Amino acid sequence: MIRRWRGGAKRQHVNGKRRRGSQSDALSSILDRVNVLLDLDTSDNNKAPENTWIQQKLYLQEQRAAQNLSTLYAMLDRNVVTTQQLLEQRWEYIAQGLDAAELGQALQAQQSKKTMLENQIGALELQILNGRRKVIVSSELSVD
């Protein structure tokens, strides 16, 4: 800083400690602002991967449920085929006058297995539908 006195220029001397203190105060306030901005940016970046991770987790759960569902449907189809074969065999036994009691028990076991598979399929389909609703609701909440 330069002051003019009686036609001449004279430099004003400022205490070095005061100047260094004001510089360090300014620097610390700038660093504080930068840290606040970095914290905000970092927290936003952490939320995005977390949301992505949650969506990936839900996607994998849905894929596993779909695989389980296809397995259950395949088991149900095999059950229907086996039941049909047992029914045909039973009719043949009855037509020949043979005892079909064992086939009746096997048919009853197949019917209970079919009921169990249908219940499992229904529960799994409900779980998948509820999972999709949760994903839709959570995605709507994250958009807001």
N, C-alpha and C. Protein backbone atom coordinates (compact mmCIF):
# COMPACT_ATOMS: atom_id res chain seq x y z
N MET A 1 0.84 -1.17 0.00
CA MET A 1 0.00 0.00 0.00
C MET A 1 0.89 1.24 0.00
N ILE A 2 0.57 2.17 -0.84
CA ILE A 2 1.42 3.36 -0.99
C ILE A 2 0.61 4.58 -0.61
N ARG A 3 1.20 5.45 0.23
CA ARG A 3 0.56 6.71 0.59
C ARG A 3 1.43 7.86 0.09
N ARG A 4 0.77 8.89 -0.32
CA ARG A 4 1.52 10.06 -0.81
C ARG A 4 1.56 11.12 0.31
N TRP A 5 2.76 11.56 0.63
CA TRP A 5 2.95 12.60 1.63
C TRP A 5 3.81 13.69 1.02
N ARG A 6 3.36 14.86 1.03
CA ARG A 6 4.07 16.06 0.58
C ARG A 6 4.80 15.84 -0.72
N GLY A 7 4.04 15.35 -1.69
CA GLY A 7 4.63 15.25 -3.01
C GLY A 7 5.46 14.01 -3.23
N GLY A 8 5.69 13.24 -2.25
CA GLY A 8 6.50 12.04 -2.42
C GLY A 8 5.71 10.79 -2.07
N ALA A 9 6.12 9.71 -2.61
CA ALA A 9 5.44 8.45 -2.33
C ALA A 9 6.19 7.74 -1.22
N LYS A 10 5.42 7.25 -0.26
CA LYS A 10 6.03 6.53 0.84
C LYS A 10 5.24 5.25 1.09
N ARG A 11 5.94 4.20 1.23
CA ARG A 11 5.31 2.93 1.47
C ARG A 11 4.92 2.83 2.94
N GLN A 12 3.68 2.34 3.16
CA GLN A 12 3.23 2.16 4.54
C GLN A 12 3.64 0.76 4.98
N HIS A 13 4.25 0.70 6.12
CA HIS A 13 4.69 -0.59 6.65
C HIS A 13 3.59 -1.18 7.49
N VAL A 14 3.28 -2.46 7.18
CA VAL A 14 2.25 -3.17 7.94
C VAL A 14 2.96 -4.26 8.72
N ASN A 15 2.47 -4.46 9.92
CA ASN A 15 3.05 -5.46 10.79
C ASN A 15 2.98 -6.83 10.10
N GLY A 16 4.09 -7.55 10.01
CA GLY A 16 4.17 -8.84 9.32
C GLY A 16 3.30 -9.90 9.98
N LYS A 17 3.23 -9.90 11.30
CA LYS A 17 2.42 -10.90 11.99
C LYS A 17 0.94 -10.70 11.66
N ARG A 18 0.51 -9.44 11.63
CA ARG A 18 -0.88 -9.16 11.32
C ARG A 18 -1.20 -9.58 9.89
N ARG A 19 -0.31 -9.31 8.97
CA ARG A 19 -0.54 -9.66 7.57
C ARG A 19 -0.60 -11.19 7.42
N ARG A 20 0.32 -11.90 8.05
CA ARG A 20 0.30 -13.36 7.97
C ARG A 20 -0.96 -13.92 8.62
N GLY A 21 -1.40 -13.33 9.71
CA GLY A 21 -2.62 -13.78 10.39
C GLY A 21 -3.84 -13.59 9.52
N SER A 22 -3.95 -12.45 8.86
CA SER A 22 -5.11 -12.22 8.01
C SER A 22 -5.08 -13.15 6.80
N GLN A 23 -3.89 -13.43 6.29
CA GLN A 23 -3.78 -14.36 5.17
C GLN A 23 -4.18 -15.77 5.61
N SER A 24 -3.73 -16.16 6.79
CA SER A 24 -4.07 -17.50 7.26
C SER A 24 -5.56 -17.60 7.57
N ASP A 25 -6.16 -16.50 8.07
CA ASP A 25 -7.61 -16.50 8.30
C ASP A 25 -8.36 -16.64 6.98
N ALA A 26 -7.92 -15.89 5.98
CA ALA A 26 -8.57 -15.98 4.68
C ALA A 26 -8.39 -17.37 4.08
N LEU A 27 -7.19 -17.91 4.22
CA LEU A 27 -6.92 -19.24 3.70
C LEU A 27 -7.75 -20.29 4.43
N SER A 28 -7.84 -20.17 5.74
CA SER A 28 -8.63 -21.16 6.49
C SER A 28 -10.11 -21.06 6.15
N SER A 29 -10.63 -19.84 5.93
CA SER A 29 -12.04 -19.72 5.56
C SER A 29 -12.29 -20.30 4.16
N ILE A 30 -11.33 -20.10 3.26
CA ILE A 30 -11.46 -20.70 1.92
C ILE A 30 -11.43 -22.22 2.02
N LEU A 31 -10.49 -22.74 2.83
CA LEU A 31 -10.41 -24.19 3.00
C LEU A 31 -11.67 -24.75 3.64
N ASP A 32 -12.24 -24.01 4.59
CA ASP A 32 -13.49 -24.46 5.21
C ASP A 32 -14.60 -24.54 4.17
N ARG A 33 -14.71 -23.53 3.33
CA ARG A 33 -15.74 -23.54 2.28
C ARG A 33 -15.52 -24.69 1.30
N VAL A 34 -14.26 -24.91 0.93
CA VAL A 34 -13.96 -26.02 0.02
C VAL A 34 -14.32 -27.36 0.66
N ASN A 35 -14.01 -27.51 1.96
CA ASN A 35 -14.35 -28.75 2.66
C ASN A 35 -15.85 -28.98 2.71
N VAL A 36 -16.60 -27.91 2.95
CA VAL A 36 -18.06 -28.03 2.97
C VAL A 36 -18.58 -28.46 1.61
N LEU A 37 -18.06 -27.84 0.55
CA LEU A 37 -18.49 -28.22 -0.80
C LEU A 37 -18.10 -29.66 -1.13
N LEU A 38 -16.91 -30.06 -0.71
CA LEU A 38 -16.50 -31.45 -0.95
C LEU A 38 -17.37 -32.43 -0.18
N ASP A 39 -17.72 -32.08 1.06
CA ASP A 39 -18.59 -32.96 1.84
C ASP A 39 -19.94 -33.11 1.17
N LEU A 40 -20.49 -32.01 0.69
CA LEU A 40 -21.78 -32.09 0.00
C LEU A 40 -21.68 -32.94 -1.25
N ASP A 41 -20.63 -32.73 -2.02
CA ASP A 41 -20.44 -33.49 -3.26
C ASP A 41 -20.22 -34.97 -2.96
N THR A 42 -19.43 -35.26 -1.93
CA THR A 42 -19.15 -36.64 -1.57
C THR A 42 -20.39 -37.34 -1.07
N SER A 43 -21.20 -36.66 -0.27
CA SER A 43 -22.42 -37.31 0.24
C SER A 43 -23.39 -37.59 -0.90
N ASP A 44 -23.46 -36.68 -1.89
CA ASP A 44 -24.31 -36.94 -3.06
C ASP A 44 -23.78 -38.12 -3.85
N ASN A 45 -22.46 -38.20 -4.01
CA ASN A 45 -21.86 -39.31 -4.75
C ASN A 45 -22.04 -40.63 -4.01
N ASN A 46 -22.03 -40.59 -2.67
CA ASN A 46 -22.23 -41.81 -1.89
C ASN A 46 -23.67 -42.29 -2.01
N LYS A 47 -24.62 -41.37 -2.11
CA LYS A 47 -26.02 -41.76 -2.23
C LYS A 47 -26.28 -42.44 -3.56
N ALA A 48 -25.66 -41.94 -4.61
CA ALA A 48 -25.89 -42.52 -5.94
C ALA A 48 -25.42 -43.98 -6.01
N PRO A 49 -24.19 -44.30 -5.58
CA PRO A 49 -23.81 -45.72 -5.62
C PRO A 49 -24.65 -46.58 -4.68
N GLU A 50 -25.05 -46.00 -3.54
CA GLU A 50 -25.88 -46.77 -2.61
C GLU A 50 -27.22 -47.11 -3.26
N ASN A 51 -27.83 -46.13 -3.93
CA ASN A 51 -29.09 -46.39 -4.63
C ASN A 51 -28.87 -47.40 -5.75
N THR A 52 -27.76 -47.27 -6.46
CA THR A 52 -27.45 -48.22 -7.53
C THR A 52 -27.25 -49.61 -6.95
N TRP A 53 -26.55 -49.70 -5.82
CA TRP A 53 -26.31 -50.98 -5.18
C TRP A 53 -27.63 -51.61 -4.74
N ILE A 54 -28.52 -50.82 -4.18
CA ILE A 54 -29.83 -51.33 -3.75
C ILE A 54 -30.62 -51.82 -4.95
N GLN A 55 -30.59 -51.06 -6.04
CA GLN A 55 -31.31 -51.48 -7.24
C GLN A 55 -30.72 -52.78 -7.80
N GLN A 56 -29.40 -52.91 -7.78
CA GLN A 56 -28.77 -54.14 -8.26
C GLN A 56 -29.15 -55.32 -7.38
N LYS A 57 -29.18 -55.08 -6.08
CA LYS A 57 -29.55 -56.14 -5.14
C LYS A 57 -30.99 -56.59 -5.40
N LEU A 58 -31.89 -55.64 -5.58
CA LEU A 58 -33.28 -55.99 -5.86
C LEU A 58 -33.41 -56.69 -7.20
N TYR A 59 -32.63 -56.27 -8.18
CA TYR A 59 -32.65 -56.91 -9.49
C TYR A 59 -32.20 -58.37 -9.38
N LEU A 60 -31.12 -58.61 -8.62
CA LEU A 60 -30.64 -59.98 -8.45
C LEU A 60 -31.65 -60.84 -7.71
N GLN A 61 -32.30 -60.25 -6.69
CA GLN A 61 -33.33 -60.99 -5.98
C GLN A 61 -34.48 -61.35 -6.91
N GLU A 62 -34.85 -60.42 -7.76
CA GLU A 62 -35.92 -60.68 -8.71
C GLU A 62 -35.51 -61.76 -9.71
N GLN A 63 -34.25 -61.74 -10.14
CA GLN A 63 -33.77 -62.76 -11.07
C GLN A 63 -33.79 -64.14 -10.42
N ARG A 64 -33.35 -64.21 -9.16
CA ARG A 64 -33.37 -65.50 -8.45
C ARG A 64 -34.81 -65.99 -8.28
N ALA A 65 -35.70 -65.08 -7.94
CA ALA A 65 -37.10 -65.46 -7.78
C ALA A 65 -37.67 -65.96 -9.11
N ALA A 66 -37.30 -65.31 -10.20
CA ALA A 66 -37.78 -65.75 -11.52
C ALA A 66 -37.23 -67.14 -11.86
N GLN A 67 -35.97 -67.40 -11.52
CA GLN A 67 -35.39 -68.73 -11.76
C GLN A 67 -36.11 -69.78 -10.91
N ASN A 68 -36.36 -69.44 -9.64
CA ASN A 68 -37.09 -70.37 -8.78
C ASN A 68 -38.48 -70.63 -9.32
N LEU A 69 -39.10 -69.57 -9.81
CA LEU A 69 -40.45 -69.70 -10.36
C LEU A 69 -40.46 -70.61 -11.58
N SER A 70 -39.49 -70.43 -12.46
CA SER A 70 -39.44 -71.31 -13.65
C SER A 70 -39.17 -72.75 -13.25
N THR A 71 -38.34 -72.96 -12.22
CA THR A 71 -38.09 -74.32 -11.72
C THR A 71 -39.37 -74.94 -11.17
N LEU A 72 -40.12 -74.15 -10.39
CA LEU A 72 -41.37 -74.66 -9.83
C LEU A 72 -42.38 -74.99 -10.92
N TYR A 73 -42.46 -74.13 -11.95
CA TYR A 73 -43.37 -74.41 -13.06
C TYR A 73 -42.95 -75.68 -13.81
N ALA A 74 -41.65 -75.89 -13.97
CA ALA A 74 -41.17 -77.11 -14.62
C ALA A 74 -41.53 -78.34 -13.79
N MET A 75 -41.38 -78.22 -12.47
CA MET A 75 -41.76 -79.32 -11.59
C MET A 75 -43.26 -79.59 -11.67
N LEU A 76 -44.04 -78.53 -11.75
CA LEU A 76 -45.49 -78.68 -11.86
C LEU A 76 -45.86 -79.36 -13.18
N ASP A 77 -45.19 -78.98 -14.26
CA ASP A 77 -45.45 -79.62 -15.56
C ASP A 77 -45.12 -81.11 -15.51
N ARG A 78 -43.96 -81.44 -14.89
CA ARG A 78 -43.60 -82.86 -14.76
C ARG A 78 -44.62 -83.61 -13.90
N ASN A 79 -45.12 -82.93 -12.88
CA ASN A 79 -46.14 -83.53 -12.02
C ASN A 79 -47.40 -83.84 -12.81
N VAL A 80 -47.80 -82.91 -13.66
CA VAL A 80 -49.01 -83.11 -14.48
C VAL A 80 -48.81 -84.30 -15.42
N VAL A 81 -47.63 -84.39 -16.04
CA VAL A 81 -47.34 -85.50 -16.95
C VAL A 81 -47.36 -86.82 -16.19
N THR A 82 -46.71 -86.84 -15.02
CA THR A 82 -46.68 -88.07 -14.21
C THR A 82 -48.08 -88.46 -13.76
N THR A 83 -48.88 -87.48 -13.35
CA THR A 83 -50.25 -87.75 -12.95
C THR A 83 -51.05 -88.34 -14.10
N GLN A 84 -50.88 -87.78 -15.28
CA GLN A 84 -51.58 -88.30 -16.46
C GLN A 84 -51.17 -89.74 -16.76
N GLN A 85 -49.88 -90.03 -16.65
CA GLN A 85 -49.39 -91.40 -16.88
C GLN A 85 -49.97 -92.37 -15.84
N LEU A 86 -50.01 -91.92 -14.58
CA LEU A 86 -50.58 -92.77 -13.53
C LEU A 86 -52.07 -93.02 -13.76
N LEU A 87 -52.79 -91.99 -14.20
CA LEU A 87 -54.22 -92.16 -14.49
C LEU A 87 -54.43 -93.17 -15.62
N GLU A 88 -53.65 -93.07 -16.68
CA GLU A 88 -53.76 -94.01 -17.79
C GLU A 88 -53.45 -95.43 -17.34
N GLN A 89 -52.40 -95.55 -16.53
CA GLN A 89 -52.01 -96.87 -16.03
C GLN A 89 -53.11 -97.43 -15.12
N ARG A 90 -53.71 -96.58 -14.31
CA ARG A 90 -54.79 -97.01 -13.41
C ARG A 90 -55.98 -97.50 -14.22
N TRP A 91 -56.35 -96.77 -15.28
CA TRP A 91 -57.48 -97.19 -16.13
C TRP A 91 -57.19 -98.55 -16.77
N GLU A 92 -55.93 -98.74 -17.18
CA GLU A 92 -55.55 -100.03 -17.77
C GLU A 92 -55.68 -101.15 -16.74
N TYR A 93 -55.22 -100.88 -15.50
CA TYR A 93 -55.32 -101.89 -14.44
C TYR A 93 -56.79 -102.23 -14.17
N ILE A 94 -57.63 -101.19 -14.09
CA ILE A 94 -59.05 -101.40 -13.83
C ILE A 94 -59.68 -102.17 -14.99
N ALA A 95 -59.32 -101.84 -16.23
CA ALA A 95 -59.86 -102.53 -17.40
C ALA A 95 -59.45 -104.01 -17.41
N GLN A 96 -58.26 -104.30 -16.90
CA GLN A 96 -57.77 -105.68 -16.87
C GLN A 96 -58.25 -106.41 -15.61
N GLY A 97 -58.90 -105.68 -14.70
CA GLY A 97 -59.40 -106.29 -13.46
C GLY A 97 -58.31 -106.46 -12.41
N LEU A 98 -57.25 -105.72 -12.52
CA LEU A 98 -56.15 -105.79 -11.55
C LEU A 98 -56.37 -104.78 -10.43
N ASP A 99 -55.64 -104.96 -9.32
CA ASP A 99 -55.75 -104.06 -8.18
C ASP A 99 -55.00 -102.76 -8.48
N ALA A 100 -55.70 -101.65 -8.40
CA ALA A 100 -55.12 -100.34 -8.71
C ALA A 100 -54.96 -99.49 -7.45
N ALA A 101 -54.95 -100.12 -6.28
CA ALA A 101 -54.86 -99.39 -5.01
C ALA A 101 -53.54 -98.64 -4.89
N GLU A 102 -52.45 -99.30 -5.28
CA GLU A 102 -51.14 -98.64 -5.20
C GLU A 102 -51.09 -97.42 -6.11
N LEU A 103 -51.69 -97.54 -7.27
CA LEU A 103 -51.71 -96.39 -8.19
C LEU A 103 -52.58 -95.27 -7.62
N GLY A 104 -53.64 -95.63 -6.90
CA GLY A 104 -54.48 -94.62 -6.26
C GLY A 104 -53.70 -93.83 -5.23
N GLN A 105 -52.87 -94.54 -4.46
CA GLN A 105 -52.04 -93.86 -3.46
C GLN A 105 -51.00 -92.96 -4.15
N ALA A 106 -50.43 -93.45 -5.23
CA ALA A 106 -49.45 -92.65 -5.98
C ALA A 106 -50.11 -91.40 -6.57
N LEU A 107 -51.36 -91.57 -7.06
CA LEU A 107 -52.09 -90.41 -7.59
C LEU A 107 -52.40 -89.41 -6.48
N GLN A 108 -52.73 -89.92 -5.31
CA GLN A 108 -53.01 -89.03 -4.18
C GLN A 108 -51.74 -88.26 -3.79
N ALA A 109 -50.59 -88.93 -3.79
CA ALA A 109 -49.32 -88.26 -3.48
C ALA A 109 -49.00 -87.21 -4.53
N GLN A 110 -49.26 -87.53 -5.79
CA GLN A 110 -49.01 -86.56 -6.87
C GLN A 110 -49.93 -85.34 -6.72
N GLN A 111 -51.18 -85.59 -6.32
CA GLN A 111 -52.12 -84.48 -6.14
C GLN A 111 -51.68 -83.57 -5.00
N SER A 112 -51.22 -84.16 -3.89
CA SER A 112 -50.75 -83.32 -2.78
C SER A 112 -49.48 -82.56 -3.17
N LYS A 113 -48.62 -83.20 -3.97
CA LYS A 113 -47.42 -82.52 -4.46
C LYS A 113 -47.80 -81.36 -5.38
N LYS A 114 -48.82 -81.58 -6.22
CA LYS A 114 -49.30 -80.53 -7.12
C LYS A 114 -49.83 -79.34 -6.32
N THR A 115 -50.59 -79.62 -5.27
CA THR A 115 -51.13 -78.56 -4.42
C THR A 115 -50.00 -77.78 -3.75
N MET A 116 -48.98 -78.51 -3.26
CA MET A 116 -47.84 -77.85 -2.62
C MET A 116 -47.10 -76.95 -3.62
N LEU A 117 -46.87 -77.46 -4.83
CA LEU A 117 -46.18 -76.67 -5.86
C LEU A 117 -46.99 -75.42 -6.22
N GLU A 118 -48.30 -75.57 -6.37
CA GLU A 118 -49.14 -74.41 -6.70
C GLU A 118 -49.10 -73.37 -5.59
N ASN A 119 -49.08 -73.82 -4.33
CA ASN A 119 -48.98 -72.88 -3.21
C ASN A 119 -47.64 -72.15 -3.22
N GLN A 120 -46.56 -72.89 -3.49
CA GLN A 120 -45.24 -72.26 -3.56
C GLN A 120 -45.16 -71.26 -4.70
N ILE A 121 -45.74 -71.62 -5.84
CA ILE A 121 -45.74 -70.71 -6.99
C ILE A 121 -46.52 -69.45 -6.67
N GLY A 122 -47.68 -69.60 -6.04
CA GLY A 122 -48.48 -68.43 -5.68
C GLY A 122 -47.75 -67.52 -4.71
N ALA A 123 -47.09 -68.12 -3.71
CA ALA A 123 -46.35 -67.32 -2.73
C ALA A 123 -45.18 -66.59 -3.39
N LEU A 124 -44.49 -67.27 -4.29
CA LEU A 124 -43.34 -66.66 -4.98
C LEU A 124 -43.79 -65.55 -5.92
N GLU A 125 -44.90 -65.77 -6.63
CA GLU A 125 -45.42 -64.71 -7.50
C GLU A 125 -45.82 -63.49 -6.68
N LEU A 126 -46.42 -63.72 -5.53
CA LEU A 126 -46.80 -62.61 -4.66
C LEU A 126 -45.56 -61.87 -4.16
N GLN A 127 -44.52 -62.63 -3.81
CA GLN A 127 -43.26 -62.01 -3.37
C GLN A 127 -42.66 -61.16 -4.48
N ILE A 128 -42.69 -61.65 -5.71
CA ILE A 128 -42.14 -60.89 -6.84
C ILE A 128 -42.95 -59.62 -7.05
N LEU A 129 -44.27 -59.72 -7.00
CA LEU A 129 -45.11 -58.53 -7.18
C LEU A 129 -44.86 -57.52 -6.07
N ASN A 130 -44.75 -57.97 -4.83
CA ASN A 130 -44.47 -57.05 -3.73
C ASN A 130 -43.09 -56.43 -3.87
N GLY A 131 -42.12 -57.20 -4.34
CA GLY A 131 -40.77 -56.66 -4.57
C GLY A 131 -40.79 -55.58 -5.62
N ARG A 132 -41.57 -55.77 -6.68
CA ARG A 132 -41.66 -54.75 -7.73
C ARG A 132 -42.33 -53.50 -7.20
N ARG A 133 -43.33 -53.68 -6.38
CA ARG A 133 -43.99 -52.50 -5.79
C ARG A 133 -43.01 -51.72 -4.93
N LYS A 134 -42.18 -52.43 -4.16
CA LYS A 134 -41.19 -51.76 -3.32
C LYS A 134 -40.20 -50.99 -4.19
N VAL A 135 -39.78 -51.59 -5.30
CA VAL A 135 -38.83 -50.93 -6.20
C VAL A 135 -39.47 -49.69 -6.80
N ILE A 136 -40.72 -49.79 -7.21
CA ILE A 136 -41.41 -48.64 -7.81
C ILE A 136 -41.56 -47.54 -6.78
N VAL A 137 -41.96 -47.89 -5.56
CA VAL A 137 -42.13 -46.88 -4.51
C VAL A 137 -40.80 -46.25 -4.17
N SER A 138 -39.74 -47.06 -4.02
CA SER A 138 -38.44 -46.49 -3.66
C SER A 138 -37.88 -45.62 -4.79
N SER A 139 -38.14 -45.99 -6.04
CA SER A 139 -37.65 -45.16 -7.14
C SER A 139 -38.43 -43.86 -7.21
N GLU A 140 -39.72 -43.90 -6.87
CA GLU A 140 -40.50 -42.66 -6.85
C GLU A 140 -40.02 -41.76 -5.72
N LEU A 141 -39.65 -42.35 -4.58
CA LEU A 141 -39.16 -41.56 -3.46
C LEU A 141 -37.80 -40.96 -3.77
N SER A 142 -36.94 -41.71 -4.46
CA SER A 142 -35.61 -41.19 -4.76
C SER A 142 -35.65 -40.09 -5.81
N VAL A 143 -36.69 -40.09 -6.66
CA VAL A 143 -36.83 -39.04 -7.67
C VAL A 143 -37.20 -37.73 -7.00
N ASP A 144 -38.06 -37.82 -5.97
CA ASP A 144 -38.49 -36.60 -5.26
C ASP A 144 -37.33 -36.04 -4.54
